[in-house]
Amino acid sequence: MSSGNTMKKVLVIDDNPTIVELIKYAVNLQGAYQVIVAYDGVQGLERIFAEQPDCVIIDVKMPRMDGYQLVRCLRGDARTANTPLIILSAMTREEDQLTGLLSGADEYLTKPFKPTALNAAIERVLHLTPAERQRRTDYLVQTQAERE
């Protein structure tokens, strides 16, 4: 019987403190999440295992470990394989987005972002089942293979 904090945790991983504050502000508009922060991929990985967030928002271009590497690392670990992951990046090319999704991200949003779009993405990924996540990944891999 838990009467403690029922707020879901969202971990924001971005090396730009200004962007981190903007994301925190946007997510806090929803009022339903506790926002925690890391400033590079390695620190993010440490925070994921320490905090066990319900959702992770990840930048791509970061020191020590980029967002694609981090996503692949999380998807490859049984403890985090089904953690909802959103890439939020200034990299806007279709190839960048495809790389992010093929790495295992559930959503790929681009900067600048709208707070409503980010919060809607968080809600969507929080409701994905492991089977739905796997079907989407399989579909992306198959579609990519057909393109090549």
N, C-alpha and C. Protein backbone atom coordinates (compact mmCIF):
# COMPACT_ATOMS: atom_id res chain seq x y z
N MET A 1 0.86 -1.17 0.00
CA MET A 1 0.00 0.00 0.00
C MET A 1 0.90 1.23 0.00
N SER A 2 1.01 1.84 -1.16
CA SER A 2 1.93 2.96 -1.32
C SER A 2 1.15 4.26 -1.40
N SER A 3 1.44 5.16 -0.50
CA SER A 3 0.80 6.48 -0.55
C SER A 3 1.83 7.53 -0.93
N GLY A 4 2.94 7.06 -1.44
CA GLY A 4 4.04 7.95 -1.80
C GLY A 4 3.80 8.67 -3.11
N ASN A 5 4.88 9.16 -3.69
CA ASN A 5 4.84 9.94 -4.91
C ASN A 5 4.45 9.06 -6.10
N THR A 6 3.36 9.41 -6.77
CA THR A 6 2.91 8.64 -7.93
C THR A 6 3.32 9.30 -9.24
N MET A 7 4.05 10.41 -9.15
CA MET A 7 4.47 11.08 -10.37
C MET A 7 5.48 10.21 -11.12
N LYS A 8 5.31 10.15 -12.43
CA LYS A 8 6.27 9.41 -13.25
C LYS A 8 7.53 10.25 -13.39
N LYS A 9 8.67 9.55 -13.50
CA LYS A 9 9.96 10.23 -13.66
C LYS A 9 10.33 10.31 -15.13
N VAL A 10 10.73 11.51 -15.56
CA VAL A 10 11.24 11.72 -16.90
C VAL A 10 12.68 12.19 -16.76
N LEU A 11 13.60 11.45 -17.39
CA LEU A 11 15.01 11.82 -17.39
C LEU A 11 15.31 12.56 -18.68
N VAL A 12 15.88 13.75 -18.56
CA VAL A 12 16.30 14.55 -19.70
C VAL A 12 17.82 14.46 -19.80
N ILE A 13 18.32 14.04 -20.96
CA ILE A 13 19.77 13.94 -21.17
C ILE A 13 20.15 14.84 -22.34
N ASP A 14 20.80 15.94 -22.03
CA ASP A 14 21.21 16.92 -23.04
C ASP A 14 22.38 17.71 -22.46
N ASP A 15 23.39 17.97 -23.29
CA ASP A 15 24.58 18.67 -22.79
C ASP A 15 24.43 20.18 -22.76
N ASN A 16 23.30 20.71 -23.24
CA ASN A 16 23.08 22.15 -23.26
C ASN A 16 22.14 22.54 -22.11
N PRO A 17 22.68 23.21 -21.07
CA PRO A 17 21.84 23.57 -19.92
C PRO A 17 20.62 24.40 -20.26
N THR A 18 20.71 25.26 -21.27
CA THR A 18 19.56 26.07 -21.68
C THR A 18 18.46 25.19 -22.24
N ILE A 19 18.84 24.24 -23.09
CA ILE A 19 17.86 23.30 -23.66
C ILE A 19 17.25 22.45 -22.55
N VAL A 20 18.07 22.00 -21.60
CA VAL A 20 17.57 21.22 -20.48
C VAL A 20 16.48 22.01 -19.75
N GLU A 21 16.74 23.28 -19.49
CA GLU A 21 15.75 24.10 -18.78
C GLU A 21 14.46 24.26 -19.60
N LEU A 22 14.59 24.42 -20.92
CA LEU A 22 13.41 24.53 -21.78
C LEU A 22 12.59 23.23 -21.75
N ILE A 23 13.28 22.10 -21.81
CA ILE A 23 12.59 20.82 -21.77
C ILE A 23 11.91 20.64 -20.40
N LYS A 24 12.64 20.95 -19.33
CA LYS A 24 12.06 20.84 -17.99
C LYS A 24 10.80 21.70 -17.88
N TYR A 25 10.87 22.92 -18.38
CA TYR A 25 9.72 23.82 -18.35
C TYR A 25 8.55 23.20 -19.12
N ALA A 26 8.83 22.71 -20.33
CA ALA A 26 7.78 22.13 -21.17
C ALA A 26 7.14 20.92 -20.49
N VAL A 27 7.96 20.04 -19.95
CA VAL A 27 7.44 18.83 -19.31
C VAL A 27 6.68 19.19 -18.03
N ASN A 28 7.15 20.18 -17.31
CA ASN A 28 6.46 20.60 -16.08
C ASN A 28 5.12 21.27 -16.34
N LEU A 29 4.90 21.74 -17.57
CA LEU A 29 3.58 22.30 -17.91
C LEU A 29 2.51 21.25 -17.72
N GLN A 30 2.88 20.00 -17.97
CA GLN A 30 1.96 18.88 -17.82
C GLN A 30 1.63 18.65 -16.35
N GLY A 31 2.59 18.91 -15.49
CA GLY A 31 2.38 18.76 -14.06
C GLY A 31 2.35 17.34 -13.54
N ALA A 32 2.57 16.37 -14.42
CA ALA A 32 2.42 14.97 -14.02
C ALA A 32 3.75 14.25 -13.86
N TYR A 33 4.84 14.95 -14.06
CA TYR A 33 6.14 14.27 -14.09
C TYR A 33 7.15 14.92 -13.16
N GLN A 34 8.02 14.08 -12.62
CA GLN A 34 9.19 14.55 -11.89
C GLN A 34 10.33 14.52 -12.91
N VAL A 35 10.97 15.65 -13.14
CA VAL A 35 12.03 15.73 -14.15
C VAL A 35 13.39 15.62 -13.47
N ILE A 36 14.21 14.69 -13.97
CA ILE A 36 15.59 14.55 -13.53
C ILE A 36 16.49 14.77 -14.74
N VAL A 37 17.76 15.08 -14.50
CA VAL A 37 18.63 15.56 -15.57
C VAL A 37 19.99 14.89 -15.57
N ALA A 38 20.54 14.72 -16.77
CA ALA A 38 21.94 14.32 -16.97
C ALA A 38 22.46 15.14 -18.14
N TYR A 39 23.77 15.40 -18.16
CA TYR A 39 24.33 16.30 -19.16
C TYR A 39 25.21 15.64 -20.21
N ASP A 40 25.31 14.32 -20.20
CA ASP A 40 25.95 13.60 -21.30
C ASP A 40 25.48 12.15 -21.26
N GLY A 41 25.82 11.38 -22.28
CA GLY A 41 25.32 10.02 -22.38
C GLY A 41 25.78 9.10 -21.26
N VAL A 42 27.03 9.23 -20.83
CA VAL A 42 27.55 8.36 -19.77
C VAL A 42 26.85 8.67 -18.45
N GLN A 43 26.73 9.97 -18.13
CA GLN A 43 26.01 10.36 -16.91
C GLN A 43 24.55 9.93 -17.01
N GLY A 44 23.99 10.03 -18.21
CA GLY A 44 22.61 9.60 -18.43
C GLY A 44 22.42 8.13 -18.14
N LEU A 45 23.35 7.33 -18.62
CA LEU A 45 23.29 5.88 -18.37
C LEU A 45 23.33 5.60 -16.88
N GLU A 46 24.21 6.28 -16.17
CA GLU A 46 24.30 6.12 -14.72
C GLU A 46 22.99 6.50 -14.04
N ARG A 47 22.41 7.62 -14.47
CA ARG A 47 21.14 8.08 -13.87
C ARG A 47 20.00 7.12 -14.17
N ILE A 48 20.00 6.52 -15.36
CA ILE A 48 18.94 5.58 -15.72
C ILE A 48 18.93 4.41 -14.75
N PHE A 49 20.11 3.85 -14.47
CA PHE A 49 20.16 2.70 -13.57
C PHE A 49 19.91 3.11 -12.12
N ALA A 50 20.31 4.31 -11.75
CA ALA A 50 20.10 4.78 -10.37
C ALA A 50 18.65 5.18 -10.12
N GLU A 51 18.04 5.86 -11.08
CA GLU A 51 16.71 6.46 -10.89
C GLU A 51 15.55 5.64 -11.47
N GLN A 52 15.84 4.77 -12.43
CA GLN A 52 14.82 3.99 -13.13
C GLN A 52 13.65 4.86 -13.60
N PRO A 53 13.95 5.81 -14.50
CA PRO A 53 12.90 6.71 -14.98
C PRO A 53 11.85 5.97 -15.80
N ASP A 54 10.67 6.57 -15.89
CA ASP A 54 9.58 6.00 -16.68
C ASP A 54 9.71 6.34 -18.15
N CYS A 55 10.46 7.40 -18.45
CA CYS A 55 10.66 7.85 -19.83
C CYS A 55 11.99 8.61 -19.88
N VAL A 56 12.69 8.51 -21.01
CA VAL A 56 13.96 9.21 -21.17
C VAL A 56 13.93 10.03 -22.45
N ILE A 57 14.30 11.30 -22.34
CA ILE A 57 14.42 12.21 -23.49
C ILE A 57 15.91 12.41 -23.73
N ILE A 58 16.36 12.11 -24.95
CA ILE A 58 17.80 12.03 -25.24
C ILE A 58 18.17 12.91 -26.42
N ASP A 59 19.20 13.73 -26.23
CA ASP A 59 19.80 14.49 -27.34
C ASP A 59 20.71 13.54 -28.10
N VAL A 60 21.04 13.88 -29.35
CA VAL A 60 21.95 13.02 -30.12
C VAL A 60 23.40 13.44 -29.91
N LYS A 61 23.70 14.71 -30.18
CA LYS A 61 25.09 15.16 -30.12
C LYS A 61 25.47 15.54 -28.69
N MET A 62 26.20 14.61 -28.04
CA MET A 62 26.64 14.83 -26.66
C MET A 62 28.05 14.27 -26.50
N PRO A 63 28.80 14.80 -25.54
CA PRO A 63 30.13 14.25 -25.27
C PRO A 63 30.05 12.87 -24.62
N ARG A 64 31.13 12.13 -24.75
CA ARG A 64 31.36 10.83 -24.12
C ARG A 64 30.53 9.68 -24.69
N MET A 65 29.26 9.90 -25.01
CA MET A 65 28.42 8.88 -25.63
C MET A 65 27.27 9.61 -26.30
N ASP A 66 27.13 9.43 -27.62
CA ASP A 66 26.05 10.16 -28.28
C ASP A 66 24.71 9.46 -28.05
N GLY A 67 23.65 10.13 -28.45
CA GLY A 67 22.31 9.62 -28.20
C GLY A 67 22.01 8.30 -28.88
N TYR A 68 22.50 8.11 -30.11
CA TYR A 68 22.28 6.84 -30.80
C TYR A 68 22.94 5.69 -30.04
N GLN A 69 24.18 5.91 -29.59
CA GLN A 69 24.88 4.88 -28.82
C GLN A 69 24.13 4.57 -27.54
N LEU A 70 23.66 5.61 -26.87
CA LEU A 70 22.93 5.43 -25.62
C LEU A 70 21.66 4.62 -25.84
N VAL A 71 20.91 4.95 -26.88
CA VAL A 71 19.67 4.23 -27.17
C VAL A 71 19.97 2.76 -27.45
N ARG A 72 20.98 2.49 -28.27
CA ARG A 72 21.34 1.09 -28.56
C ARG A 72 21.75 0.35 -27.29
N CYS A 73 22.50 1.02 -26.44
CA CYS A 73 22.94 0.43 -25.17
C CYS A 73 21.73 0.08 -24.29
N LEU A 74 20.77 0.98 -24.21
CA LEU A 74 19.58 0.75 -23.39
C LEU A 74 18.71 -0.37 -23.95
N ARG A 75 18.54 -0.39 -25.26
CA ARG A 75 17.73 -1.44 -25.88
C ARG A 75 18.40 -2.81 -25.77
N GLY A 76 19.72 -2.83 -25.66
CA GLY A 76 20.46 -4.08 -25.57
C GLY A 76 20.57 -4.63 -24.16
N ASP A 77 20.05 -3.93 -23.18
CA ASP A 77 20.13 -4.36 -21.79
C ASP A 77 18.73 -4.76 -21.32
N ALA A 78 18.58 -5.97 -20.82
CA ALA A 78 17.27 -6.47 -20.41
C ALA A 78 16.59 -5.56 -19.39
N ARG A 79 17.37 -4.88 -18.55
CA ARG A 79 16.79 -4.01 -17.52
C ARG A 79 16.15 -2.76 -18.10
N THR A 80 16.58 -2.35 -19.28
CA THR A 80 16.10 -1.09 -19.87
C THR A 80 15.53 -1.27 -21.27
N ALA A 81 15.42 -2.50 -21.73
CA ALA A 81 15.00 -2.76 -23.12
C ALA A 81 13.63 -2.18 -23.44
N ASN A 82 12.76 -2.06 -22.46
CA ASN A 82 11.42 -1.54 -22.71
C ASN A 82 11.17 -0.16 -22.10
N THR A 83 12.24 0.53 -21.73
CA THR A 83 12.09 1.89 -21.23
C THR A 83 11.68 2.80 -22.40
N PRO A 84 10.63 3.61 -22.24
CA PRO A 84 10.24 4.54 -23.29
C PRO A 84 11.36 5.57 -23.56
N LEU A 85 11.77 5.68 -24.83
CA LEU A 85 12.87 6.56 -25.21
C LEU A 85 12.43 7.51 -26.31
N ILE A 86 12.72 8.80 -26.10
CA ILE A 86 12.44 9.84 -27.10
C ILE A 86 13.74 10.54 -27.43
N ILE A 87 14.08 10.59 -28.71
CA ILE A 87 15.22 11.42 -29.12
C ILE A 87 14.67 12.80 -29.45
N LEU A 88 15.32 13.83 -28.91
CA LEU A 88 14.97 15.22 -29.18
C LEU A 88 16.25 15.89 -29.65
N SER A 89 16.34 16.16 -30.95
CA SER A 89 17.61 16.57 -31.54
C SER A 89 17.45 17.72 -32.52
N ALA A 90 18.53 18.47 -32.68
CA ALA A 90 18.57 19.52 -33.70
C ALA A 90 18.88 18.92 -35.08
N MET A 91 19.21 17.64 -35.11
CA MET A 91 19.50 16.96 -36.38
C MET A 91 18.17 16.61 -37.04
N THR A 92 17.87 17.29 -38.14
CA THR A 92 16.52 17.22 -38.71
C THR A 92 16.41 16.43 -40.00
N ARG A 93 17.53 15.94 -40.53
CA ARG A 93 17.45 15.20 -41.80
C ARG A 93 16.70 13.88 -41.59
N GLU A 94 16.06 13.43 -42.65
CA GLU A 94 15.33 12.16 -42.58
C GLU A 94 16.25 11.01 -42.19
N GLU A 95 17.49 11.03 -42.69
CA GLU A 95 18.45 9.96 -42.36
C GLU A 95 18.75 9.95 -40.86
N ASP A 96 18.85 11.15 -40.27
CA ASP A 96 19.11 11.24 -38.83
C ASP A 96 17.95 10.64 -38.04
N GLN A 97 16.74 10.99 -38.46
CA GLN A 97 15.56 10.47 -37.78
C GLN A 97 15.47 8.96 -37.92
N LEU A 98 15.75 8.45 -39.11
CA LEU A 98 15.71 7.01 -39.33
C LEU A 98 16.77 6.31 -38.49
N THR A 99 17.96 6.89 -38.41
CA THR A 99 19.02 6.31 -37.58
C THR A 99 18.56 6.23 -36.13
N GLY A 100 17.93 7.30 -35.63
CA GLY A 100 17.45 7.31 -34.26
C GLY A 100 16.40 6.25 -34.00
N LEU A 101 15.46 6.13 -34.94
CA LEU A 101 14.39 5.14 -34.76
C LEU A 101 14.93 3.72 -34.90
N LEU A 102 15.85 3.51 -35.85
CA LEU A 102 16.46 2.18 -36.00
C LEU A 102 17.35 1.83 -34.82
N SER A 103 17.88 2.84 -34.13
CA SER A 103 18.67 2.59 -32.92
C SER A 103 17.79 2.04 -31.80
N GLY A 104 16.49 2.35 -31.90
CA GLY A 104 15.56 1.85 -30.89
C GLY A 104 14.72 2.91 -30.20
N ALA A 105 14.87 4.18 -30.61
CA ALA A 105 14.04 5.23 -30.01
C ALA A 105 12.58 5.02 -30.40
N ASP A 106 11.68 5.34 -29.49
CA ASP A 106 10.25 5.22 -29.78
C ASP A 106 9.73 6.41 -30.58
N GLU A 107 10.34 7.55 -30.36
CA GLU A 107 9.94 8.79 -31.05
C GLU A 107 11.21 9.57 -31.37
N TYR A 108 11.16 10.36 -32.44
CA TYR A 108 12.26 11.25 -32.79
C TYR A 108 11.64 12.62 -33.04
N LEU A 109 11.89 13.55 -32.16
CA LEU A 109 11.39 14.92 -32.31
C LEU A 109 12.57 15.83 -32.61
N THR A 110 12.28 16.92 -33.30
CA THR A 110 13.35 17.85 -33.65
C THR A 110 13.21 19.17 -32.89
N LYS A 111 14.38 19.80 -32.68
CA LYS A 111 14.44 21.12 -32.07
C LYS A 111 14.42 22.15 -33.20
N PRO A 112 13.81 23.29 -33.01
CA PRO A 112 13.02 23.66 -31.83
C PRO A 112 11.75 22.80 -31.75
N PHE A 113 11.24 22.62 -30.54
CA PHE A 113 10.09 21.75 -30.33
C PHE A 113 8.96 22.55 -29.69
N LYS A 114 7.76 22.02 -29.87
CA LYS A 114 6.59 22.59 -29.21
C LYS A 114 6.34 21.79 -27.94
N PRO A 115 6.13 22.46 -26.80
CA PRO A 115 5.85 21.75 -25.56
C PRO A 115 4.70 20.75 -25.69
N THR A 116 3.66 21.11 -26.42
CA THR A 116 2.52 20.20 -26.58
C THR A 116 2.94 18.94 -27.33
N ALA A 117 3.80 19.09 -28.34
CA ALA A 117 4.26 17.92 -29.11
C ALA A 117 5.12 17.01 -28.24
N LEU A 118 5.98 17.61 -27.42
CA LEU A 118 6.83 16.81 -26.54
C LEU A 118 5.99 16.06 -25.51
N ASN A 119 5.04 16.73 -24.89
CA ASN A 119 4.19 16.08 -23.91
C ASN A 119 3.32 14.99 -24.53
N ALA A 120 2.85 15.22 -25.75
CA ALA A 120 2.07 14.19 -26.45
C ALA A 120 2.95 12.97 -26.74
N ALA A 121 4.20 13.20 -27.13
CA ALA A 121 5.12 12.10 -27.39
C ALA A 121 5.39 11.30 -26.12
N ILE A 122 5.57 12.00 -25.00
CA ILE A 122 5.78 11.31 -23.72
C ILE A 122 4.59 10.42 -23.42
N GLU A 123 3.39 10.95 -23.56
CA GLU A 123 2.18 10.15 -23.30
C GLU A 123 2.12 8.94 -24.21
N ARG A 124 2.44 9.12 -25.50
CA ARG A 124 2.39 7.99 -26.44
C ARG A 124 3.37 6.90 -26.05
N VAL A 125 4.62 7.28 -25.77
CA VAL A 125 5.63 6.24 -25.49
C VAL A 125 5.38 5.56 -24.15
N LEU A 126 4.79 6.27 -23.20
CA LEU A 126 4.49 5.65 -21.91
C LEU A 126 3.44 4.55 -22.05
N HIS A 127 2.64 4.61 -23.09
CA HIS A 127 1.58 3.63 -23.28
C HIS A 127 1.93 2.52 -24.27
N LEU A 128 3.13 2.56 -24.84
CA LEU A 128 3.55 1.50 -25.75
C LEU A 128 3.80 0.21 -24.97
N THR A 129 3.30 -0.88 -25.48
CA THR A 129 3.61 -2.18 -24.87
C THR A 129 4.91 -2.70 -25.48
N PRO A 130 5.58 -3.63 -24.80
CA PRO A 130 6.78 -4.23 -25.39
C PRO A 130 6.49 -4.84 -26.77
N ALA A 131 5.33 -5.46 -26.95
CA ALA A 131 4.99 -6.06 -28.24
C ALA A 131 4.84 -4.98 -29.32
N GLU A 132 4.19 -3.86 -28.97
CA GLU A 132 4.04 -2.76 -29.94
C GLU A 132 5.41 -2.19 -30.30
N ARG A 133 6.27 -2.02 -29.30
CA ARG A 133 7.61 -1.50 -29.53
C ARG A 133 8.37 -2.43 -30.49
N GLN A 134 8.28 -3.73 -30.27
CA GLN A 134 8.97 -4.70 -31.12
C GLN A 134 8.40 -4.68 -32.54
N ARG A 135 7.08 -4.60 -32.68
CA ARG A 135 6.46 -4.55 -34.01
C ARG A 135 6.94 -3.32 -34.79
N ARG A 136 7.02 -2.17 -34.11
CA ARG A 136 7.49 -0.95 -34.78
C ARG A 136 8.93 -1.10 -35.22
N THR A 137 9.76 -1.65 -34.36
CA THR A 137 11.17 -1.85 -34.71
C THR A 137 11.29 -2.81 -35.88
N ASP A 138 10.56 -3.91 -35.84
CA ASP A 138 10.60 -4.88 -36.94
C ASP A 138 10.17 -4.23 -38.25
N TYR A 139 9.11 -3.42 -38.19
CA TYR A 139 8.62 -2.74 -39.38
C TYR A 139 9.70 -1.80 -39.95
N LEU A 140 10.34 -1.01 -39.08
CA LEU A 140 11.38 -0.08 -39.53
C LEU A 140 12.55 -0.84 -40.17
N VAL A 141 12.95 -1.93 -39.55
CA VAL A 141 14.07 -2.71 -40.08
C VAL A 141 13.70 -3.28 -41.44
N GLN A 142 12.50 -3.81 -41.56
CA GLN A 142 12.04 -4.38 -42.83
C GLN A 142 11.95 -3.31 -43.91
N THR A 143 11.39 -2.16 -43.56
CA THR A 143 11.26 -1.05 -44.51
C THR A 143 12.63 -0.58 -44.98
N GLN A 144 13.58 -0.49 -44.04
CA GLN A 144 14.94 -0.06 -44.37
C GLN A 144 15.61 -1.07 -45.29
N ALA A 145 15.41 -2.36 -45.02
CA ALA A 145 16.01 -3.41 -45.85
C ALA A 145 15.47 -3.36 -47.26
N GLU A 146 14.19 -3.04 -47.41
CA GLU A 146 13.56 -2.95 -48.73
C GLU A 146 14.09 -1.75 -49.51
N ARG A 147 14.48 -0.69 -48.82
CA ARG A 147 15.02 0.51 -49.46
C ARG A 147 16.41 0.26 -50.03
N GLU A 148 17.16 -0.63 -49.39
CA GLU A 148 18.57 -0.82 -49.78
C GLU A 148 18.72 -1.76 -50.95
